[in-house]
Amino acid sequence: MGKKIDAVVTGGMGVRAVQGLDQGGIKAYRAIPGTVADIVRQFIKGGLEEITVDNACAQHSCH
């Protein structure tokens, strides 16, 4: 208890969702193909792309 969420990992996310998370101090990262363990390892290494308003999904087919 008492831990703060500061990041989420997802396959894709729209601009409004990114903006909402950003307002709460939460960063979003784009998942890579693979297992959850693969994704966690890449996250820890800093190997996942951060999702920003500039590279967020523009259509529902992206997320």
Protein backbone atom coordinates (compact mmCIF):
# COMPACT_ATOMS: atom_id res chain seq x y z
CA MET A 1 0.00 0.00 0.00
CA GLY A 2 1.01 3.58 -0.43
CA LYS A 3 2.73 3.04 -3.77
CA LYS A 4 2.11 5.48 -6.60
CA ILE A 5 1.53 4.50 -10.22
CA ASP A 6 3.82 6.54 -12.45
CA ALA A 7 3.75 4.52 -15.69
CA VAL A 8 1.51 2.27 -17.78
CA VAL A 9 2.42 -0.02 -20.67
CA THR A 10 -0.10 -0.52 -23.45
CA GLY A 11 -0.36 -1.50 -27.09
CA GLY A 12 -1.61 1.95 -28.03
CA MET A 13 -3.40 4.96 -26.64
CA GLY A 14 -5.23 7.99 -27.96
CA VAL A 15 -4.24 11.60 -27.42
CA ARG A 16 -6.92 12.36 -24.83
CA ALA A 17 -5.92 9.36 -22.73
CA VAL A 18 -2.26 10.40 -22.92
CA GLN A 19 -3.19 13.93 -21.88
CA GLY A 20 -5.24 12.64 -18.95
CA LEU A 21 -2.46 10.42 -17.70
CA ASP A 22 0.07 13.21 -18.18
CA GLN A 23 -2.02 15.51 -15.99
CA GLY A 24 -1.78 12.87 -13.27
CA GLY A 25 1.98 12.55 -13.65
CA ILE A 26 1.73 9.13 -15.31
CA LYS A 27 3.77 8.25 -18.40
CA ALA A 28 2.54 5.78 -21.02
CA TYR A 29 4.81 3.38 -22.89
CA ARG A 30 4.15 1.33 -26.02
CA ALA A 31 4.35 -2.44 -25.50
CA ILE A 32 6.48 -4.63 -27.74
CA PRO A 33 5.49 -8.05 -29.06
CA GLY A 34 6.35 -10.80 -26.61
CA THR A 35 5.51 -12.06 -23.18
CA VAL A 36 4.79 -9.89 -20.18
CA ALA A 37 8.25 -10.83 -18.88
CA ASP A 38 9.83 -9.61 -22.15
CA ILE A 39 7.97 -6.32 -21.90
CA VAL A 40 8.91 -5.81 -18.25
CA ARG A 41 12.58 -6.48 -19.04
CA GLN A 42 12.50 -3.91 -21.85
CA PHE A 43 10.74 -1.39 -19.60
CA ILE A 44 13.38 -1.80 -16.90
CA LYS A 45 16.14 -1.34 -19.51
CA GLY A 46 14.44 1.82 -20.82
CA GLY A 47 13.75 0.09 -24.12
CA LEU A 48 10.06 0.96 -24.54
CA GLU A 49 8.92 3.97 -26.54
CA GLU A 50 7.11 6.61 -24.50
CA ILE A 51 3.69 7.47 -25.91
CA THR A 52 3.24 11.24 -26.17
CA VAL A 53 0.62 13.47 -27.77
CA ASP A 54 2.92 13.60 -30.81
CA ASN A 55 2.96 9.82 -31.40
CA ALA A 56 -0.34 8.73 -29.83
CA CYS A 57 -2.89 6.81 -31.87
CA ALA A 58 -5.11 8.92 -34.07
CA GLN A 59 -7.67 6.21 -34.89
CA HIS A 60 -9.19 3.24 -33.08
CA SER A 61 -7.39 0.75 -35.32
CA CYS A 62 -4.17 1.70 -33.52
CA HIS A 63 -5.30 0.81 -29.99
